[in-house]
Amino acid sequence: MINKKIIKSAFESMLFVWGDPLDVKSAAEIFNLNWKDAYDYFKELQAEYEKEGRGIVIREVNKSFQFVTRYENNEYIEKLCTPVKEKKLSQSALEVLAIIAYKQPVTKVEIDSIRGIKCDRVIEGLIKKDLIIELGRSTGIGRPILYGTTSTFLKNFGFESLNDLPHIEDIGNVMHVEQELDDLDNQQISINFDGQ
C-alpha cells in the first residue's frame, strides 16, 4: 500500500489542478482508500496549511475540499487584480504608428519628413509600449535606425499580419494618414498598457 505522505502529496496536487471542490469519494477511489481515511488525510493537510499560516488554505465544502486564498490577503489580491487602465494612443502616436506600419522599415528622418514635425518622444513611447522595435540600421548616410511594428501591434489592433492593414493610397500625404487614423479611432480601438 502507498504510504500516507505520498497520498497527501498527491491530494495536494489534485486540489491544485482540480480548482473546484474535490469530492473525497473521487479522491479515495483513485487510491482504493476508504472514504474515512481519505477524509482524514484531507483534514491533516488542511491543518498543516493552517498551522503554517500559508497564503493558500484548504477549505472544506460539503465533504469536498478546495484550495482558496487566505481571507486576510484579499486586499493585496484586489490591488494586484485591479484591471489595467485602458488608454488610447494620442493622435501623434497613432500618426507615427501608421507611418511605421505602412512604410516599414522606416527611419526617424523619413517619419519626421512625412509628419512635418519631430517625433523622437513619440517613437520612445511606442517602443516602451512594445508597439514598435528597432529593426537594424539603414545603409544610408549615418546609418540611421530602421523602425518596424511588433507582434504586440498586430495583436492589439486585431491584425493577423501586416497584409490586414487597411489600404492607404499615399502614405506620404498626411491628410490621408490622418483620415485613416480618424476612422480607426472612431471604431474605438484602444489598447491595454501597464500604466505607462
C-alpha atoms as a PDB file:
ATOM      1  CA  MET A   1       0.000   0.000   0.000  1.00  0.00           C
ATOM      2  CA  ILE A   2       1.148   3.573  -0.784  1.00  0.00           C
ATOM      3  CA  ASN A   3       2.219   5.469   2.315  1.00  0.00           C
ATOM      4  CA  LYS A   4       0.267   8.384   3.765  1.00  0.00           C
ATOM      5  CA  LYS A   5       2.870  11.008   2.836  1.00  0.00           C
ATOM      6  CA  ILE A   6       2.648  10.132  -0.881  1.00  0.00           C
ATOM      7  CA  ILE A   7      -1.159  10.114  -0.794  1.00  0.00           C
ATOM      8  CA  LYS A   8      -1.303  13.520   0.917  1.00  0.00           C
ATOM      9  CA  SER A   9       1.171  14.895  -1.614  1.00  0.00           C
ATOM     10  CA  ALA A  10      -0.988  13.555  -4.436  1.00  0.00           C
ATOM     11  CA  PHE A  11      -4.133  15.014  -2.850  1.00  0.00           C
ATOM     12  CA  GLU A  12      -2.381  18.384  -2.673  1.00  0.00           C
ATOM     13  CA  SER A  13      -1.517  18.225  -6.384  1.00  0.00           C
ATOM     14  CA  MET A  14      -5.050  17.114  -7.226  1.00  0.00           C
ATOM     15  CA  LEU A  15      -6.520  20.064  -5.316  1.00  0.00           C
ATOM     16  CA  PHE A  16      -4.254  22.433  -7.211  1.00  0.00           C
ATOM     17  CA  VAL A  17      -5.147  21.063 -10.641  1.00  0.00           C
ATOM     18  CA  TRP A  18      -8.857  20.471  -9.993  1.00  0.00           C
ATOM     19  CA  GLY A  19      -9.702  24.034  -8.952  1.00  0.00           C
ATOM     20  CA  ASP A  20     -13.302  23.226  -7.987  1.00  0.00           C
ATOM     21  CA  PRO A  21     -14.098  21.463  -4.702  1.00  0.00           C
ATOM     22  CA  LEU A  22     -12.687  17.916  -4.947  1.00  0.00           C
ATOM     23  CA  ASP A  23     -15.049  15.239  -3.672  1.00  0.00           C
ATOM     24  CA  VAL A  24     -13.417  12.999  -1.055  1.00  0.00           C
ATOM     25  CA  LYS A  25     -15.056   9.917  -2.591  1.00  0.00           C
ATOM     26  CA  SER A  26     -13.457  10.587  -6.007  1.00  0.00           C
ATOM     27  CA  ALA A  27     -10.037  11.137  -4.440  1.00  0.00           C
ATOM     28  CA  ALA A  28     -10.384   7.991  -2.304  1.00  0.00           C
ATOM     29  CA  GLU A  29     -11.248   5.834  -5.337  1.00  0.00           C
ATOM     30  CA  ILE A  30      -8.014   6.786  -7.082  1.00  0.00           C
ATOM     31  CA  PHE A  31      -6.052   5.164  -4.247  1.00  0.00           C
ATOM     32  CA  ASN A  32      -8.576   2.444  -3.365  1.00  0.00           C
ATOM     33  CA  LEU A  33      -8.923   4.041   0.076  1.00  0.00           C
ATOM     34  CA  ASN A  34     -11.989   4.011   2.238  1.00  0.00           C
ATOM     35  CA  TRP A  35     -13.776   7.352   2.453  1.00  0.00           C
ATOM     36  CA  LYS A  36     -12.890   7.927   6.125  1.00  0.00           C
ATOM     37  CA  ASP A  37      -9.117   7.562   5.578  1.00  0.00           C
ATOM     38  CA  ALA A  38      -9.184   9.899   2.578  1.00  0.00           C
ATOM     39  CA  TYR A  39     -11.212  12.438   4.552  1.00  0.00           C
ATOM     40  CA  ASP A  40      -8.730  12.263   7.445  1.00  0.00           C
ATOM     41  CA  TYR A  41      -5.795  12.871   5.065  1.00  0.00           C
ATOM     42  CA  PHE A  42      -7.523  15.972   3.672  1.00  0.00           C
ATOM     43  CA  LYS A  43      -8.165  17.219   7.208  1.00  0.00           C
ATOM     44  CA  GLU A  44      -4.478  16.700   8.080  1.00  0.00           C
ATOM     45  CA  LEU A  45      -3.448  18.657   5.003  1.00  0.00           C
ATOM     46  CA  GLN A  46      -5.895  21.396   5.932  1.00  0.00           C
ATOM     47  CA  ALA A  47      -4.433  21.599   9.460  1.00  0.00           C
ATOM     48  CA  GLU A  48      -0.841  21.732   8.114  1.00  0.00           C
ATOM     49  CA  TYR A  49      -1.669  24.675   5.848  1.00  0.00           C
ATOM     50  CA  GLU A  50      -3.442  26.462   8.682  1.00  0.00           C
ATOM     51  CA  LYS A  51      -0.616  25.826  11.172  1.00  0.00           C
ATOM     52  CA  GLU A  52       1.954  27.319   8.781  1.00  0.00           C
ATOM     53  CA  GLY A  53      -0.209  30.384   8.105  1.00  0.00           C
ATOM     54  CA  ARG A  54       0.102  29.866   4.343  1.00  0.00           C
ATOM     55  CA  GLY A  55      -1.409  32.276   1.807  1.00  0.00           C
ATOM     56  CA  ILE A  56      -3.340  29.342   0.373  1.00  0.00           C
ATOM     57  CA  VAL A  57      -5.717  27.459   2.653  1.00  0.00           C
ATOM     58  CA  ILE A  58      -7.763  24.307   2.176  1.00  0.00           C
ATOM     59  CA  ARG A  59     -11.477  24.895   2.556  1.00  0.00           C
ATOM     60  CA  GLU A  60     -13.975  22.146   3.215  1.00  0.00           C
ATOM     61  CA  VAL A  61     -17.188  22.468   1.225  1.00  0.00           C
ATOM     62  CA  ASN A  62     -19.832  19.788   1.776  1.00  0.00           C
ATOM     63  CA  LYS A  63     -17.336  16.943   2.381  1.00  0.00           C
ATOM     64  CA  SER A  64     -15.218  18.164  -0.550  1.00  0.00           C
ATOM     65  CA  PHE A  65     -12.010  20.191  -0.354  1.00  0.00           C
ATOM     66  CA  GLN A  66     -10.661  23.119  -2.346  1.00  0.00           C
ATOM     67  CA  PHE A  67      -7.669  25.456  -2.406  1.00  0.00           C
ATOM     68  CA  VAL A  68      -8.604  29.082  -1.729  1.00  0.00           C
ATOM     69  CA  THR A  69      -6.646  32.199  -0.844  1.00  0.00           C
ATOM     70  CA  ARG A  70      -6.426  33.292   2.758  1.00  0.00           C
ATOM     71  CA  TYR A  71      -9.172  35.827   3.513  1.00  0.00           C
ATOM     72  CA  GLU A  72      -6.741  38.244   5.207  1.00  0.00           C
ATOM     73  CA  ASN A  73      -4.885  38.620   1.890  1.00  0.00           C
ATOM     74  CA  ASN A  74      -7.911  39.815  -0.107  1.00  0.00           C
ATOM     75  CA  GLU A  75      -6.803  43.458  -0.002  1.00  0.00           C
ATOM     76  CA  TYR A  76      -3.486  42.622  -1.692  1.00  0.00           C
ATOM     77  CA  ILE A  77      -5.081  40.313  -4.255  1.00  0.00           C
ATOM     78  CA  GLU A  78      -7.580  43.025  -5.197  1.00  0.00           C
ATOM     79  CA  LYS A  79      -4.744  45.529  -5.730  1.00  0.00           C
ATOM     80  CA  LEU A  80      -2.917  43.053  -7.943  1.00  0.00           C
ATOM     81  CA  CYS A  81      -6.000  42.138  -9.940  1.00  0.00           C
ATOM     82  CA  THR A  82      -7.375  45.660 -10.434  1.00  0.00           C
ATOM     83  CA  PRO A  83      -7.897  45.982 -14.185  1.00  0.00           C
ATOM     84  CA  VAL A  84      -5.209  47.823 -16.094  1.00  0.00           C
ATOM     85  CA  LYS A  85      -6.435  51.247 -17.150  1.00  0.00           C
ATOM     86  CA  GLU A  86      -7.414  51.384 -20.782  1.00  0.00           C
ATOM     87  CA  LYS A  87      -5.627  54.191 -22.543  1.00  0.00           C
ATOM     88  CA  LYS A  88      -5.984  55.338 -26.105  1.00  0.00           C
ATOM     89  CA  LEU A  89      -2.958  56.355 -28.082  1.00  0.00           C
ATOM     90  CA  SER A  90      -2.602  60.076 -28.715  1.00  0.00           C
ATOM     91  CA  GLN A  91      -3.236  61.404 -32.213  1.00  0.00           C
ATOM     92  CA  SER A  92       0.502  61.944 -32.766  1.00  0.00           C
ATOM     93  CA  ALA A  93       1.292  58.395 -31.589  1.00  0.00           C
ATOM     94  CA  LEU A  94      -1.339  56.985 -33.967  1.00  0.00           C
ATOM     95  CA  GLU A  95       0.117  59.010 -36.841  1.00  0.00           C
ATOM     96  CA  VAL A  96       3.669  57.816 -36.198  1.00  0.00           C
ATOM     97  CA  LEU A  97       2.483  54.241 -35.711  1.00  0.00           C
ATOM     98  CA  ALA A  98       0.573  54.324 -39.020  1.00  0.00           C
ATOM     99  CA  ILE A  99       3.580  55.689 -40.883  1.00  0.00           C
ATOM    100  CA  ILE A 100       5.816  52.982 -39.435  1.00  0.00           C
ATOM    101  CA  ALA A 101       3.241  50.253 -40.120  1.00  0.00           C
ATOM    102  CA  TYR A 102       2.849  51.222 -43.782  1.00  0.00           C
ATOM    103  CA  LYS A 103       6.420  52.263 -44.606  1.00  0.00           C
ATOM    104  CA  GLN A 104       8.481  49.819 -42.522  1.00  0.00           C
ATOM    105  CA  PRO A 105      11.354  49.528 -42.333  1.00  0.00           C
ATOM    106  CA  VAL A 106      11.490  53.305 -41.967  1.00  0.00           C
ATOM    107  CA  THR A 107      13.899  55.795 -40.400  1.00  0.00           C
ATOM    108  CA  LYS A 108      13.059  58.595 -37.985  1.00  0.00           C
ATOM    109  CA  VAL A 109      14.072  61.174 -40.618  1.00  0.00           C
ATOM    110  CA  GLU A 110      11.521  59.707 -43.042  1.00  0.00           C
ATOM    111  CA  ILE A 111       8.835  59.757 -40.355  1.00  0.00           C
ATOM    112  CA  ASP A 112       9.690  63.381 -39.426  1.00  0.00           C
ATOM    113  CA  SER A 113       9.561  64.318 -43.113  1.00  0.00           C
ATOM    114  CA  ILE A 114       6.107  62.781 -43.620  1.00  0.00           C
ATOM    115  CA  ARG A 115       4.664  64.323 -40.439  1.00  0.00           C
ATOM    116  CA  GLY A 116       6.470  67.643 -40.803  1.00  0.00           C
ATOM    117  CA  ILE A 117       7.407  67.555 -37.128  1.00  0.00           C
ATOM    118  CA  LYS A 118       9.997  65.786 -34.974  1.00  0.00           C
ATOM    119  CA  CYS A 119       8.790  62.576 -33.353  1.00  0.00           C
ATOM    120  CA  ASP A 120      11.620  61.416 -31.044  1.00  0.00           C
ATOM    121  CA  ARG A 121       9.453  61.259 -27.905  1.00  0.00           C
ATOM    122  CA  VAL A 122       6.574  59.592 -29.694  1.00  0.00           C
ATOM    123  CA  ILE A 123       8.912  56.885 -31.004  1.00  0.00           C
ATOM    124  CA  GLU A 124      10.313  56.349 -27.494  1.00  0.00           C
ATOM    125  CA  GLY A 125       6.776  55.957 -26.141  1.00  0.00           C
ATOM    126  CA  LEU A 126       5.794  53.462 -28.853  1.00  0.00           C
ATOM    127  CA  ILE A 127       8.928  51.415 -28.127  1.00  0.00           C
ATOM    128  CA  LYS A 128       8.109  51.383 -24.388  1.00  0.00           C
ATOM    129  CA  LYS A 129       4.614  50.140 -25.212  1.00  0.00           C
ATOM    130  CA  ASP A 130       6.151  47.374 -27.371  1.00  0.00           C
ATOM    131  CA  LEU A 131       4.285  48.556 -30.478  1.00  0.00           C
ATOM    132  CA  ILE A 132       7.441  49.253 -32.491  1.00  0.00           C
ATOM    133  CA  ILE A 133      11.024  47.997 -32.426  1.00  0.00           C
ATOM    134  CA  GLU A 134      14.365  48.806 -33.963  1.00  0.00           C
ATOM    135  CA  LEU A 135      14.890  46.539 -36.969  1.00  0.00           C
ATOM    136  CA  GLY A 136      18.518  47.417 -37.600  1.00  0.00           C
ATOM    137  CA  ARG A 137      20.246  50.215 -39.461  1.00  0.00           C
ATOM    138  CA  SER A 138      19.824  51.699 -42.906  1.00  0.00           C
ATOM    139  CA  THR A 139      22.687  51.583 -45.406  1.00  0.00           C
ATOM    140  CA  GLY A 140      22.163  55.335 -45.971  1.00  0.00           C
ATOM    141  CA  ILE A 141      24.364  58.178 -44.756  1.00  0.00           C
ATOM    142  CA  GLY A 142      24.870  57.987 -40.988  1.00  0.00           C
ATOM    143  CA  ARG A 143      23.267  54.517 -40.921  1.00  0.00           C
ATOM    144  CA  PRO A 144      20.070  55.653 -39.176  1.00  0.00           C
ATOM    145  CA  ILE A 145      17.950  53.221 -37.185  1.00  0.00           C
ATOM    146  CA  LEU A 146      15.123  51.471 -39.022  1.00  0.00           C
ATOM    147  CA  TYR A 147      11.803  51.011 -37.215  1.00  0.00           C
ATOM    148  CA  GLY A 148       9.040  48.467 -37.676  1.00  0.00           C
ATOM    149  CA  THR A 149       5.956  47.222 -35.847  1.00  0.00           C
ATOM    150  CA  THR A 150       5.827  44.306 -33.406  1.00  0.00           C
ATOM    151  CA  SER A 151       3.571  41.314 -32.950  1.00  0.00           C
ATOM    152  CA  THR A 152       2.062  43.246 -29.998  1.00  0.00           C
ATOM    153  CA  PHE A 153       0.952  45.898 -32.509  1.00  0.00           C
ATOM    154  CA  LEU A 154      -0.731  43.234 -34.647  1.00  0.00           C
ATOM    155  CA  LYS A 155      -2.388  41.601 -31.631  1.00  0.00           C
ATOM    156  CA  ASN A 156      -3.651  44.844 -30.070  1.00  0.00           C
ATOM    157  CA  PHE A 157      -5.097  46.136 -33.335  1.00  0.00           C
ATOM    158  CA  GLY A 158      -6.634  42.799 -34.299  1.00  0.00           C
ATOM    159  CA  PHE A 159      -4.452  42.063 -37.349  1.00  0.00           C
ATOM    160  CA  GLU A 160      -3.071  38.631 -38.206  1.00  0.00           C
ATOM    161  CA  SER A 161      -0.367  40.139 -40.399  1.00  0.00           C
ATOM    162  CA  LEU A 162       0.596  43.456 -41.977  1.00  0.00           C
ATOM    163  CA  ASN A 163      -1.397  42.383 -45.052  1.00  0.00           C
ATOM    164  CA  ASP A 164      -4.544  43.046 -42.977  1.00  0.00           C
ATOM    165  CA  LEU A 165      -3.784  46.774 -42.704  1.00  0.00           C
ATOM    166  CA  PRO A 166      -6.369  48.990 -44.437  1.00  0.00           C
ATOM    167  CA  HIS A 167      -5.174  50.311 -47.816  1.00  0.00           C
ATOM    168  CA  ILE A 168      -3.855  53.845 -47.961  1.00  0.00           C
ATOM    169  CA  GLU A 169      -3.224  55.282 -51.429  1.00  0.00           C
ATOM    170  CA  ASP A 170      -0.386  57.615 -50.494  1.00  0.00           C
ATOM    171  CA  ILE A 171       1.222  57.314 -47.084  1.00  0.00           C
ATOM    172  CA  GLY A 172       3.254  60.460 -47.821  1.00  0.00           C
ATOM    173  CA  ASN A 173       0.066  62.510 -47.787  1.00  0.00           C
ATOM    174  CA  VAL A 174      -0.517  63.251 -44.106  1.00  0.00           C
ATOM    175  CA  MET A 175      -4.161  64.141 -44.734  1.00  0.00           C
ATOM    176  CA  HIS A 176      -4.829  60.603 -45.912  1.00  0.00           C
ATOM    177  CA  VAL A 177      -2.981  59.160 -42.946  1.00  0.00           C
ATOM    178  CA  GLU A 178      -4.927  61.327 -40.516  1.00  0.00           C
ATOM    179  CA  GLN A 179      -8.241  60.385 -42.145  1.00  0.00           C
ATOM    180  CA  GLU A 180      -7.397  56.673 -41.911  1.00  0.00           C
ATOM    181  CA  LEU A 181      -6.404  57.086 -38.278  1.00  0.00           C
ATOM    182  CA  ASP A 182      -9.584  59.036 -37.509  1.00  0.00           C
ATOM    183  CA  ASP A 183     -11.541  56.133 -38.973  1.00  0.00           C
ATOM    184  CA  LEU A 184      -9.639  53.685 -36.767  1.00  0.00           C
ATOM    185  CA  ASP A 185     -10.123  55.900 -33.713  1.00  0.00           C
ATOM    186  CA  ASN A 186     -13.843  56.173 -34.417  1.00  0.00           C
ATOM    187  CA  GLN A 187     -14.010  52.385 -34.262  1.00  0.00           C
ATOM    188  CA  GLN A 188     -12.972  52.734 -30.590  1.00  0.00           C
ATOM    189  CA  ILE A 189      -9.647  50.956 -30.968  1.00  0.00           C
ATOM    190  CA  SER A 190      -7.986  51.059 -27.599  1.00  0.00           C
ATOM    191  CA  ILE A 191      -5.034  49.214 -26.162  1.00  0.00           C
ATOM    192  CA  ASN A 192      -4.233  47.969 -22.661  1.00  0.00           C
ATOM    193  CA  PHE A 193      -0.983  49.310 -21.301  1.00  0.00           C
ATOM    194  CA  ASP A 194       0.688  48.629 -17.993  1.00  0.00           C
ATOM    195  CA  GLY A 195       0.207  52.090 -16.615  1.00  0.00           C
ATOM    196  CA  GLN A 196       2.642  53.822 -18.982  1.00  0.00           C
END
